[in-house]
Each structure stands twice: as structure tokens, then as C-alpha cells.
Amino acid sequence: MNNIFFLQASNVEDNSGMLNIAFLVAIFVIFYFFMIRPQNKKRKELQNMRESLKKGDSVVTIGGIHGKVVEVKETTIVLSVDANTKIKVDKSSVSMDEATKLTEENKQ
């Protein structure tokens, strides 16, 4: 009797397999457009900002230190924090410049 049941089940055409695959593809596409693509765009903008740093720019580091760029090297910059205080930081630790800071304040 079990054999007859299995034969009957195999004759029924079911599109749930294709529906599941289409659902997974749709989830991946939505994930890409709402998560991955904006993050890549933001990363590229930040990289361009770090590469375009020049002497005299006001920046903020990831740690919250505000300063002006005194010297730019390949991977590091020297910031003037106070009249006689200069610190050397890695370019990757710069989170924003004054222009970015002003536009972010206007959004809020």
C-alpha cells in the first residue's frame, strides 16, 4: 500500500522547488541593493577623501581627535592638534574632513 502512495505522490507536478529558488534569488538581490552596494559606495567615497587630503585640511580621526593636516605622506599624516602639538596618525584613522562634517550636520 505504501508503494501506491509514493507513486501517486510522484505523479503530482509541484513548482515549489522553482518558487523556493526564485525566493532565494530575490532575497539575495534585495540584500545586495540595500546592504552591499551602499557600503561599497561609502567605502569608495571615504577612500577618495583620504587620498585627496592635503596640507591645511581640517579632519577628525576615528578616535575623535580634531586637527589640521600639516604633512601628508604615503600612508600617514601629521596633524596639528594645538599650537605646539603635532601627532602622526595613519590615513586609515581619518574618518571625515570638515566638508563631510558640515554635510552630516545639515542632514540632522
N, C-alpha and C. Protein backbone atom coordinates (compact mmCIF):
# COMPACT_ATOMS: atom_id res chain seq x y z
N MET A 1 0.82 -1.18 0.00
CA MET A 1 0.00 0.00 0.00
C MET A 1 0.87 1.26 0.00
N ASN A 2 2.00 1.20 0.64
CA ASN A 2 2.92 2.34 0.65
C ASN A 2 3.45 2.64 -0.75
N ASN A 3 3.65 1.62 -1.56
CA ASN A 3 4.14 1.83 -2.92
C ASN A 3 3.15 2.63 -3.75
N ILE A 4 1.91 2.39 -3.60
CA ILE A 4 0.89 3.11 -4.35
C ILE A 4 0.88 4.58 -3.94
N PHE A 5 1.05 4.82 -2.67
CA PHE A 5 1.06 6.20 -2.17
C PHE A 5 2.24 6.97 -2.78
N PHE A 6 3.42 6.35 -2.83
CA PHE A 6 4.59 7.00 -3.38
C PHE A 6 4.43 7.25 -4.87
N LEU A 7 3.81 6.33 -5.57
CA LEU A 7 3.58 6.52 -7.00
C LEU A 7 2.62 7.67 -7.24
N GLN A 8 1.63 7.79 -6.42
CA GLN A 8 0.70 8.88 -6.58
C GLN A 8 1.37 10.23 -6.29
N ALA A 9 2.22 10.26 -5.31
CA ALA A 9 2.89 11.49 -4.96
C ALA A 9 3.87 11.92 -6.06
N SER A 10 4.48 11.00 -6.74
CA SER A 10 5.43 11.36 -7.78
C SER A 10 4.76 11.84 -9.05
N ASN A 11 3.50 11.53 -9.26
CA ASN A 11 2.81 11.98 -10.46
C ASN A 11 2.33 13.42 -10.33
N VAL A 12 2.25 13.96 -9.15
CA VAL A 12 1.78 15.31 -8.94
C VAL A 12 2.90 16.29 -9.29
N GLU A 13 2.61 17.25 -10.18
CA GLU A 13 3.61 18.25 -10.53
C GLU A 13 3.55 19.39 -9.52
N ASP A 14 4.72 19.72 -8.98
CA ASP A 14 4.78 20.75 -7.94
C ASP A 14 5.87 21.75 -8.31
N ASN A 15 5.55 23.02 -8.32
CA ASN A 15 6.51 24.07 -8.67
C ASN A 15 7.13 24.72 -7.44
N SER A 16 7.03 24.08 -6.30
CA SER A 16 7.56 24.69 -5.08
C SER A 16 9.09 24.78 -5.12
N GLY A 17 9.76 23.88 -5.83
CA GLY A 17 11.22 23.95 -5.94
C GLY A 17 11.66 25.20 -6.67
N MET A 18 11.00 25.50 -7.77
CA MET A 18 11.33 26.71 -8.53
C MET A 18 10.95 27.97 -7.74
N LEU A 19 9.87 27.89 -7.01
CA LEU A 19 9.44 29.02 -6.20
C LEU A 19 10.45 29.30 -5.09
N ASN A 20 10.97 28.25 -4.49
CA ASN A 20 11.98 28.43 -3.44
C ASN A 20 13.25 29.05 -4.00
N ILE A 21 13.68 28.60 -5.17
CA ILE A 21 14.89 29.15 -5.79
C ILE A 21 14.67 30.63 -6.14
N ALA A 22 13.51 30.94 -6.70
CA ALA A 22 13.21 32.34 -7.04
C ALA A 22 13.17 33.21 -5.79
N PHE A 23 12.65 32.69 -4.71
CA PHE A 23 12.59 33.44 -3.45
C PHE A 23 14.00 33.71 -2.93
N LEU A 24 14.89 32.72 -2.98
CA LEU A 24 16.27 32.91 -2.51
C LEU A 24 17.01 33.92 -3.38
N VAL A 25 16.79 33.87 -4.69
CA VAL A 25 17.42 34.84 -5.59
C VAL A 25 16.91 36.25 -5.28
N ALA A 26 15.63 36.38 -5.04
CA ALA A 26 15.05 37.69 -4.72
C ALA A 26 15.63 38.23 -3.42
N ILE A 27 15.80 37.38 -2.43
CA ILE A 27 16.40 37.82 -1.16
C ILE A 27 17.83 38.29 -1.37
N PHE A 28 18.59 37.56 -2.17
CA PHE A 28 19.98 37.95 -2.43
C PHE A 28 20.04 39.29 -3.16
N VAL A 29 19.18 39.50 -4.15
CA VAL A 29 19.16 40.76 -4.90
C VAL A 29 18.80 41.92 -3.97
N ILE A 30 17.81 41.74 -3.14
CA ILE A 30 17.43 42.79 -2.18
C ILE A 30 18.56 43.06 -1.20
N PHE A 31 19.19 42.02 -0.71
CA PHE A 31 20.33 42.16 0.20
C PHE A 31 21.45 42.94 -0.47
N TYR A 32 21.72 42.64 -1.74
CA TYR A 32 22.79 43.32 -2.47
C TYR A 32 22.49 44.82 -2.60
N PHE A 33 21.28 45.17 -3.03
CA PHE A 33 20.97 46.57 -3.27
C PHE A 33 20.79 47.38 -2.00
N PHE A 34 20.39 46.76 -0.89
CA PHE A 34 20.18 47.52 0.34
C PHE A 34 21.34 47.44 1.33
N MET A 35 22.24 46.48 1.17
CA MET A 35 23.32 46.33 2.14
C MET A 35 24.70 46.46 1.50
N ILE A 36 25.00 45.67 0.51
CA ILE A 36 26.36 45.59 -0.04
C ILE A 36 26.69 46.81 -0.89
N ARG A 37 25.81 47.19 -1.80
CA ARG A 37 26.09 48.29 -2.72
C ARG A 37 26.28 49.62 -1.98
N PRO A 38 25.42 50.01 -1.05
CA PRO A 38 25.66 51.28 -0.34
C PRO A 38 26.95 51.27 0.49
N GLN A 39 27.28 50.11 1.07
CA GLN A 39 28.51 50.02 1.85
C GLN A 39 29.74 50.20 0.96
N ASN A 40 29.73 49.59 -0.23
CA ASN A 40 30.84 49.76 -1.16
C ASN A 40 30.96 51.21 -1.62
N LYS A 41 29.84 51.86 -1.86
CA LYS A 41 29.85 53.26 -2.27
C LYS A 41 30.45 54.15 -1.18
N LYS A 42 30.04 53.90 0.05
CA LYS A 42 30.55 54.69 1.17
C LYS A 42 32.06 54.46 1.36
N ARG A 43 32.49 53.21 1.19
CA ARG A 43 33.91 52.88 1.33
C ARG A 43 34.74 53.59 0.27
N LYS A 44 34.24 53.63 -0.98
CA LYS A 44 34.96 54.31 -2.06
C LYS A 44 35.04 55.81 -1.81
N GLU A 45 33.96 56.42 -1.33
CA GLU A 45 33.97 57.85 -1.02
C GLU A 45 34.98 58.17 0.08
N LEU A 46 35.03 57.33 1.10
CA LEU A 46 35.97 57.53 2.20
C LEU A 46 37.41 57.37 1.71
N GLN A 47 37.65 56.38 0.85
CA GLN A 47 38.99 56.17 0.29
C GLN A 47 39.42 57.37 -0.56
N ASN A 48 38.50 57.90 -1.37
CA ASN A 48 38.82 59.08 -2.19
C ASN A 48 39.12 60.29 -1.32
N MET A 49 38.36 60.46 -0.22
CA MET A 49 38.60 61.57 0.68
C MET A 49 39.98 61.44 1.32
N ARG A 50 40.35 60.23 1.72
CA ARG A 50 41.66 60.03 2.35
C ARG A 50 42.79 60.25 1.37
N GLU A 51 42.60 59.87 0.11
CA GLU A 51 43.65 60.06 -0.89
C GLU A 51 43.80 61.54 -1.28
N SER A 52 42.74 62.32 -1.13
CA SER A 52 42.79 63.72 -1.55
C SER A 52 43.15 64.66 -0.40
N LEU A 53 43.56 64.13 0.74
CA LEU A 53 43.96 65.00 1.85
C LEU A 53 45.17 65.84 1.46
N LYS A 54 45.16 67.10 1.86
CA LYS A 54 46.28 67.98 1.57
C LYS A 54 46.55 68.86 2.79
N LYS A 55 47.67 69.52 2.75
CA LYS A 55 48.08 70.37 3.86
C LYS A 55 47.04 71.47 4.09
N GLY A 56 46.65 71.67 5.35
CA GLY A 56 45.69 72.70 5.72
C GLY A 56 44.27 72.20 5.89
N ASP A 57 43.98 70.96 5.49
CA ASP A 57 42.63 70.41 5.67
C ASP A 57 42.35 70.13 7.14
N SER A 58 41.14 70.42 7.56
CA SER A 58 40.71 70.09 8.92
C SER A 58 40.04 68.72 8.88
N VAL A 59 40.48 67.84 9.78
CA VAL A 59 39.96 66.47 9.78
C VAL A 59 39.61 66.03 11.19
N VAL A 60 38.85 64.93 11.25
CA VAL A 60 38.52 64.29 12.52
C VAL A 60 38.93 62.83 12.39
N THR A 61 39.64 62.33 13.40
CA THR A 61 40.06 60.93 13.36
C THR A 61 38.95 60.03 13.92
N ILE A 62 39.14 58.74 13.78
CA ILE A 62 38.18 57.78 14.31
C ILE A 62 38.06 57.91 15.83
N GLY A 63 39.15 58.26 16.47
CA GLY A 63 39.15 58.43 17.92
C GLY A 63 38.56 59.75 18.39
N GLY A 64 38.18 60.63 17.45
CA GLY A 64 37.56 61.89 17.83
C GLY A 64 38.51 63.05 17.95
N ILE A 65 39.74 62.90 17.50
CA ILE A 65 40.72 63.98 17.58
C ILE A 65 40.54 64.90 16.38
N HIS A 66 40.36 66.20 16.67
CA HIS A 66 40.22 67.21 15.63
C HIS A 66 41.57 67.87 15.41
N GLY A 67 41.92 68.08 14.16
CA GLY A 67 43.19 68.73 13.87
C GLY A 67 43.29 69.16 12.43
N LYS A 68 44.39 69.88 12.14
CA LYS A 68 44.68 70.33 10.78
C LYS A 68 45.86 69.54 10.25
N VAL A 69 45.79 69.19 8.99
CA VAL A 69 46.86 68.42 8.36
C VAL A 69 48.05 69.34 8.13
N VAL A 70 49.22 68.91 8.64
CA VAL A 70 50.44 69.67 8.48
C VAL A 70 51.31 69.03 7.40
N GLU A 71 51.31 67.70 7.37
CA GLU A 71 52.16 66.98 6.43
C GLU A 71 51.44 65.72 5.97
N VAL A 72 51.56 65.41 4.69
CA VAL A 72 50.92 64.22 4.13
C VAL A 72 52.01 63.32 3.56
N LYS A 73 52.02 62.07 3.99
CA LYS A 73 52.93 61.07 3.44
C LYS A 73 52.08 59.98 2.78
N GLU A 74 52.73 58.93 2.33
CA GLU A 74 52.02 57.88 1.60
C GLU A 74 50.93 57.21 2.44
N THR A 75 51.26 56.80 3.65
CA THR A 75 50.28 56.09 4.48
C THR A 75 49.94 56.82 5.77
N THR A 76 50.65 57.91 6.08
CA THR A 76 50.41 58.63 7.33
C THR A 76 50.24 60.12 7.06
N ILE A 77 49.67 60.79 8.06
CA ILE A 77 49.59 62.25 8.04
C ILE A 77 50.01 62.77 9.41
N VAL A 78 50.47 64.00 9.43
CA VAL A 78 50.81 64.67 10.68
C VAL A 78 49.74 65.73 10.92
N LEU A 79 49.11 65.65 12.10
CA LEU A 79 48.05 66.59 12.46
C LEU A 79 48.56 67.58 13.50
N SER A 80 48.18 68.84 13.33
CA SER A 80 48.44 69.86 14.33
C SER A 80 47.18 69.96 15.18
N VAL A 81 47.31 69.52 16.44
CA VAL A 81 46.17 69.50 17.34
C VAL A 81 46.07 70.81 18.11
N ASP A 82 47.22 71.34 18.50
CA ASP A 82 47.29 72.59 19.24
C ASP A 82 48.46 73.39 18.68
N ALA A 83 48.78 74.51 19.26
CA ALA A 83 49.84 75.37 18.73
C ALA A 83 51.17 74.62 18.61
N ASN A 84 51.54 73.87 19.63
CA ASN A 84 52.83 73.18 19.62
C ASN A 84 52.69 71.67 19.63
N THR A 85 51.51 71.16 19.41
CA THR A 85 51.28 69.73 19.49
C THR A 85 50.97 69.17 18.12
N LYS A 86 51.82 68.24 17.70
CA LYS A 86 51.60 67.56 16.43
C LYS A 86 51.59 66.06 16.69
N ILE A 87 50.68 65.35 16.03
CA ILE A 87 50.64 63.90 16.17
C ILE A 87 50.63 63.28 14.78
N LYS A 88 51.24 62.12 14.71
CA LYS A 88 51.32 61.37 13.46
C LYS A 88 50.28 60.25 13.53
N VAL A 89 49.37 60.21 12.55
CA VAL A 89 48.34 59.18 12.53
C VAL A 89 48.31 58.54 11.15
N ASP A 90 47.78 57.35 11.12
CA ASP A 90 47.62 56.62 9.87
C ASP A 90 46.45 57.23 9.08
N LYS A 91 46.56 57.24 7.75
CA LYS A 91 45.48 57.81 6.93
C LYS A 91 44.16 57.05 7.14
N SER A 92 44.26 55.77 7.43
CA SER A 92 43.04 54.99 7.61
C SER A 92 42.30 55.36 8.88
N SER A 93 42.93 56.13 9.78
CA SER A 93 42.26 56.54 11.01
C SER A 93 41.50 57.85 10.85
N VAL A 94 41.56 58.46 9.67
CA VAL A 94 40.81 59.69 9.42
C VAL A 94 39.40 59.29 9.00
N SER A 95 38.41 59.80 9.75
CA SER A 95 37.04 59.40 9.46
C SER A 95 36.30 60.42 8.62
N MET A 96 36.62 61.71 8.76
CA MET A 96 35.93 62.73 7.95
C MET A 96 36.75 64.00 7.92
N ASP A 97 36.47 64.80 6.91
CA ASP A 97 37.05 66.13 6.85
C ASP A 97 35.97 67.14 7.19
N GLU A 98 36.31 68.43 7.20
CA GLU A 98 35.34 69.46 7.60
C GLU A 98 34.14 69.51 6.66
N ALA A 99 34.35 69.31 5.36
CA ALA A 99 33.24 69.36 4.41
C ALA A 99 32.26 68.22 4.69
N THR A 100 32.77 67.03 4.97
CA THR A 100 31.90 65.90 5.29
C THR A 100 31.17 66.15 6.59
N LYS A 101 31.85 66.72 7.55
CA LYS A 101 31.24 67.01 8.85
C LYS A 101 30.09 68.01 8.70
N LEU A 102 30.30 69.02 7.88
CA LEU A 102 29.25 70.03 7.69
C LEU A 102 28.03 69.44 6.99
N THR A 103 28.23 68.57 6.00
CA THR A 103 27.08 67.98 5.31
C THR A 103 26.35 67.01 6.22
N GLU A 104 27.05 66.30 7.08
CA GLU A 104 26.38 65.38 8.00
C GLU A 104 25.58 66.14 9.05
N GLU A 105 26.06 67.29 9.49
CA GLU A 105 25.31 68.10 10.46
C GLU A 105 24.05 68.67 9.82
N ASN A 106 24.10 69.02 8.54
CA ASN A 106 22.93 69.56 7.85
C ASN A 106 21.86 68.50 7.66
N LYS A 107 22.22 67.22 7.56
CA LYS A 107 21.25 66.14 7.40
C LYS A 107 20.42 65.95 8.66
N GLN A 108 21.01 66.24 9.82
CA GLN A 108 20.31 66.03 11.08
C GLN A 108 19.47 67.18 11.36
